[in-house]
């Protein structure tokens, strides 16, 4: 009887200190569910991802607008900075000294022509470039306020046109202040002269041996 009671006492003491295997020390069922949450949050995260906006479809704020014009692109309609300037034709038709085309400030004129112009002048006077029969002529004028050096260049557009250039103080005189006809048909002619201040000097673009044609005229002021 004493042996049985000691056994009961020992078992009670062991279970009291929480020995494994005693009744009531089974694993707490409530702890079983408190595992690391791998399912609930995963489903919630998946739901959030499904509702998240599609960033790939949104336009990039920093990306250039393909439809917007490029500010750095050159304007195709802008004039070329390297192209030579061509001026509008000044008043006058060049058929007489009264209608002479004023080129006092310097000018570049395309598509000038002696075709159909009058044949009133000949370059056969003193200081003139030729005593031969000339063709029709166009007349230009410079009227600087002070003595000015000018350079005149005539570039023919046809190989048959043999231009000559001469300068006079008026249409009534046969004396030339300067003149040139050196290079033959189809070749440019260039003439430099000093125009007095306060009076007009007339520039004649003529053709040797009755030649006529279109040309490009450049009048520049020399320093």
Protein backbone atom coordinates (compact mmCIF):
# COMPACT_ATOMS: atom_id res chain seq x y z
CA UNK A 1 0.00 0.00 0.00
CA UNK A 2 2.85 2.39 0.81
CA UNK A 3 4.55 1.52 -2.43
CA UNK A 4 1.48 2.43 -4.43
CA UNK A 5 1.15 5.79 -2.69
CA UNK A 6 4.82 6.69 -3.34
CA UNK A 7 4.31 5.93 -7.01
CA UNK A 8 1.31 8.25 -7.16
CA UNK A 9 3.27 11.01 -5.41
CA UNK A 10 6.20 10.67 -7.84
CA UNK A 11 3.96 10.83 -10.88
CA UNK A 12 2.27 13.93 -9.48
CA UNK A 13 5.62 15.64 -8.89
CA UNK A 14 6.89 14.86 -12.38
CA UNK A 15 3.74 16.14 -14.11
CA UNK A 16 3.81 19.22 -11.93
CA UNK A 17 7.13 20.34 -13.42
CA UNK A 18 5.82 19.78 -16.98
CA UNK A 19 7.53 16.56 -17.98
CA UNK A 20 6.88 15.43 -21.51
CA UNK A 21 4.29 12.69 -21.97
CA UNK A 22 2.01 13.79 -19.11
CA UNK A 23 -1.64 14.21 -19.80
CA UNK A 24 -2.70 17.82 -20.49
CA UNK A 25 0.72 18.73 -21.88
CA UNK A 26 -0.39 18.06 -25.45
CA UNK A 27 0.46 20.62 -28.02
CA UNK A 28 -1.94 23.53 -27.86
CA UNK A 29 -4.27 23.22 -30.85
CA UNK A 30 -4.62 27.01 -30.96
CA UNK A 31 -0.90 27.25 -31.70
CA UNK A 32 -1.28 25.13 -34.81
CA UNK A 33 -3.02 27.86 -36.77
CA UNK A 34 -0.53 30.50 -35.72
CA UNK A 35 1.98 29.51 -38.38
CA UNK A 36 3.62 32.06 -40.65
CA UNK A 37 0.92 33.48 -42.85
CA UNK A 38 1.69 32.22 -46.33
CA UNK A 39 -1.80 31.96 -47.75
CA UNK A 40 -3.90 34.87 -46.59
CA UNK A 41 -1.39 37.57 -47.42
CA UNK A 42 -0.50 35.86 -50.70
CA UNK A 43 -4.09 36.05 -51.85
CA UNK A 44 -4.40 39.64 -50.67
CA UNK A 45 -1.18 40.59 -52.48
CA UNK A 46 -2.38 38.91 -55.65
CA UNK A 47 -5.64 40.88 -55.44
CA UNK A 48 -3.74 44.14 -55.00
CA UNK A 49 -1.49 43.30 -57.96
CA UNK A 50 -4.51 42.60 -60.14
CA UNK A 51 -5.96 46.04 -59.37
CA UNK A 52 -2.65 47.89 -59.71
CA UNK A 53 -2.45 50.24 -62.75
CA UNK A 54 -0.49 49.00 -65.73
CA UNK A 55 2.63 51.16 -65.56
CA UNK A 56 3.90 49.86 -68.89
CA UNK A 57 0.87 51.35 -70.69
CA UNK A 58 1.23 54.79 -69.15
CA UNK A 59 3.11 57.39 -71.29
CA UNK A 60 6.57 58.31 -70.11
CA UNK A 61 6.49 61.92 -68.94
CA UNK A 62 10.11 62.35 -69.92
CA UNK A 63 9.80 60.70 -73.33
CA UNK A 64 9.70 63.16 -76.29
CA UNK A 65 6.33 63.54 -77.99
CA UNK A 66 6.62 61.92 -81.41
CA UNK A 67 4.02 64.37 -82.77
CA UNK A 68 5.67 67.48 -81.36
CA UNK A 69 8.01 69.36 -83.74
CA UNK A 70 11.68 69.10 -82.92
CA UNK A 71 12.84 72.51 -81.71
CA UNK A 72 16.36 71.75 -82.90
CA UNK A 73 15.36 70.58 -86.36
CA UNK A 74 16.16 73.06 -89.11
CA UNK A 75 13.23 74.69 -90.81
CA UNK A 76 13.09 73.40 -94.39
CA UNK A 77 11.56 76.71 -95.50
CA UNK A 78 14.28 78.86 -94.03
CA UNK A 79 16.73 80.31 -96.51
CA UNK A 80 20.16 78.83 -96.70
CA UNK A 81 22.63 81.06 -94.82
CA UNK A 82 25.39 80.20 -97.31
CA UNK A 83 23.38 81.06 -100.42
CA UNK A 84 24.26 84.41 -102.07
CA UNK A 85 21.79 87.21 -101.48
CA UNK A 86 19.71 88.24 -104.47
CA UNK A 87 18.05 91.65 -104.34
CA UNK A 88 14.79 92.82 -105.79
CA UNK A 89 15.21 94.84 -108.95
CA UNK A 90 15.21 98.57 -108.10
CA UNK A 91 12.93 101.00 -109.90
CA UNK A 92 13.66 101.80 -113.52
CA UNK A 93 13.76 99.63 -116.61
CA UNK A 94 17.30 100.49 -117.74
CA UNK A 95 16.26 101.65 -121.22
CA UNK A 96 17.62 105.20 -120.84
CA UNK A 97 19.59 107.38 -118.43
CA UNK A 98 16.28 108.73 -117.11
CA UNK A 99 15.11 105.15 -116.45
CA UNK A 100 18.49 103.84 -115.26
CA UNK A 101 18.38 101.20 -112.51
CA UNK A 102 19.88 102.61 -109.29
CA UNK A 103 22.59 100.33 -107.86
CA UNK A 104 24.31 102.92 -105.64
CA UNK A 105 24.12 100.74 -102.51
CA UNK A 106 25.47 97.65 -104.23
CA UNK A 107 23.25 94.92 -105.60
CA UNK A 108 23.02 91.37 -106.94
CA UNK A 109 20.47 90.93 -109.73
CA UNK A 110 19.62 87.67 -111.48
CA UNK A 111 18.08 87.24 -114.93
CA UNK A 112 18.95 90.62 -116.35
CA UNK A 113 18.80 90.71 -120.15
CA UNK A 114 19.66 92.99 -123.04
CA UNK A 115 17.32 91.10 -125.36
CA UNK A 116 14.72 93.59 -126.58
CA UNK A 117 16.55 96.58 -125.03
CA UNK A 118 17.33 99.74 -127.09
CA UNK A 119 20.49 100.07 -129.21
CA UNK A 120 21.21 103.74 -128.55
CA UNK A 121 24.76 103.58 -127.24
CA UNK A 122 28.09 102.57 -128.78
CA UNK A 123 31.37 102.01 -126.99
CA UNK A 124 33.50 103.83 -129.56
CA UNK A 125 34.47 107.03 -127.73
CA UNK A 126 37.57 107.97 -125.79
CA UNK A 127 38.29 105.56 -122.95
CA UNK A 128 35.69 103.08 -124.20
CA UNK A 129 36.48 99.38 -124.63
CA UNK A 130 35.58 98.86 -128.29
CA UNK A 131 35.10 100.66 -131.57
CA UNK A 132 33.09 97.85 -133.07
CA UNK A 133 29.36 97.70 -133.54
CA UNK A 134 27.63 96.94 -130.24
CA UNK A 135 24.29 95.38 -129.46
CA UNK A 136 21.41 96.46 -127.23
CA UNK A 137 22.27 97.74 -123.75
CA UNK A 138 20.88 98.11 -120.24
CA UNK A 139 21.78 101.17 -118.15
CA UNK A 140 22.43 101.33 -114.41
CA UNK A 141 23.37 104.32 -112.26
CA UNK A 142 25.32 105.04 -109.06
CA UNK A 143 24.98 108.37 -107.24
CA UNK A 144 27.13 108.28 -104.09
CA UNK A 145 27.27 111.34 -101.83
CA UNK A 146 31.08 111.10 -101.72
CA UNK A 147 33.71 109.50 -103.98
CA UNK A 148 33.18 105.73 -103.91
CA UNK A 149 34.95 102.79 -105.52
CA UNK A 150 32.69 100.25 -107.25
CA UNK A 151 33.27 96.82 -108.70
CA UNK A 152 30.93 95.60 -111.44
CA UNK A 153 30.73 91.97 -112.56
CA UNK A 154 28.61 90.70 -115.46
CA UNK A 155 28.26 86.94 -115.85
CA UNK A 156 26.49 85.90 -119.09
CA UNK A 157 24.03 83.01 -119.06
CA UNK A 158 24.52 82.16 -122.76
CA UNK A 159 27.79 81.23 -124.45
CA UNK A 160 26.86 83.42 -127.42
CA UNK A 161 26.62 86.63 -125.37
CA UNK A 162 29.85 88.66 -125.32
CA UNK A 163 29.22 91.35 -122.70
CA UNK A 164 31.11 94.60 -122.34
CA UNK A 165 30.89 97.16 -119.56
CA UNK A 166 31.57 100.88 -119.73
CA UNK A 167 30.89 103.90 -117.52
CA UNK A 168 29.86 107.40 -118.61
CA UNK A 169 28.76 110.60 -116.92
CA UNK A 170 25.61 110.65 -119.05
CA UNK A 171 23.90 109.33 -122.16
CA UNK A 172 24.77 112.39 -124.28
CA UNK A 173 28.52 111.95 -124.10
CA UNK A 174 30.61 109.42 -125.98
CA UNK A 175 33.50 109.59 -123.49
CA UNK A 176 33.90 106.63 -121.17
CA UNK A 177 35.24 106.94 -117.62
CA UNK A 178 36.15 103.22 -117.69
CA UNK A 179 35.38 100.14 -119.75
CA UNK A 180 36.25 96.51 -120.43
CA UNK A 181 35.63 93.78 -123.02
CA UNK A 182 38.43 91.28 -122.63
CA UNK A 183 37.22 87.74 -122.18
CA UNK A 184 35.09 86.83 -125.20
CA UNK A 185 31.63 85.27 -125.61
CA UNK A 186 30.19 83.40 -122.63
CA UNK A 187 32.85 84.68 -120.21
CA UNK A 188 32.30 87.05 -117.27
CA UNK A 189 33.57 90.64 -117.39
CA UNK A 190 34.65 92.65 -114.34
CA UNK A 191 35.25 96.39 -114.06
CA UNK A 192 36.33 98.60 -111.14
CA UNK A 193 36.03 102.39 -111.18
CA UNK A 194 35.91 105.44 -108.93
CA UNK A 195 32.56 107.27 -108.94
CA UNK A 196 32.72 110.98 -107.98
CA UNK A 197 30.48 112.15 -105.14
CA UNK A 198 27.34 114.17 -105.72
CA UNK A 199 26.91 113.33 -109.43
CA UNK A 200 25.57 110.26 -111.22
CA UNK A 201 27.76 107.78 -113.07
CA UNK A 202 26.04 105.50 -115.58
CA UNK A 203 27.03 101.87 -116.04
CA UNK A 204 26.28 100.37 -119.46
CA UNK A 205 26.03 96.62 -120.00
CA UNK A 206 26.32 96.17 -123.76
CA UNK A 207 27.20 93.39 -126.19
CA UNK A 208 30.06 93.33 -128.66
CA UNK A 209 29.33 92.58 -132.32
CA UNK A 210 25.58 93.00 -131.83
CA UNK A 211 25.47 90.17 -129.29
CA UNK A 212 22.72 90.11 -126.69
CA UNK A 213 21.60 87.85 -123.89
CA UNK A 214 20.74 87.38 -120.24
CA UNK A 215 23.21 87.81 -117.40
CA UNK A 216 23.77 88.06 -113.67
CA UNK A 217 24.89 91.47 -112.36
CA UNK A 218 26.88 92.12 -109.19
CA UNK A 219 27.71 95.65 -108.08
CA UNK A 220 29.77 95.90 -104.90
CA UNK A 221 31.30 98.80 -103.01
CA UNK A 222 35.04 98.36 -102.56
CA UNK A 223 36.74 99.46 -99.36
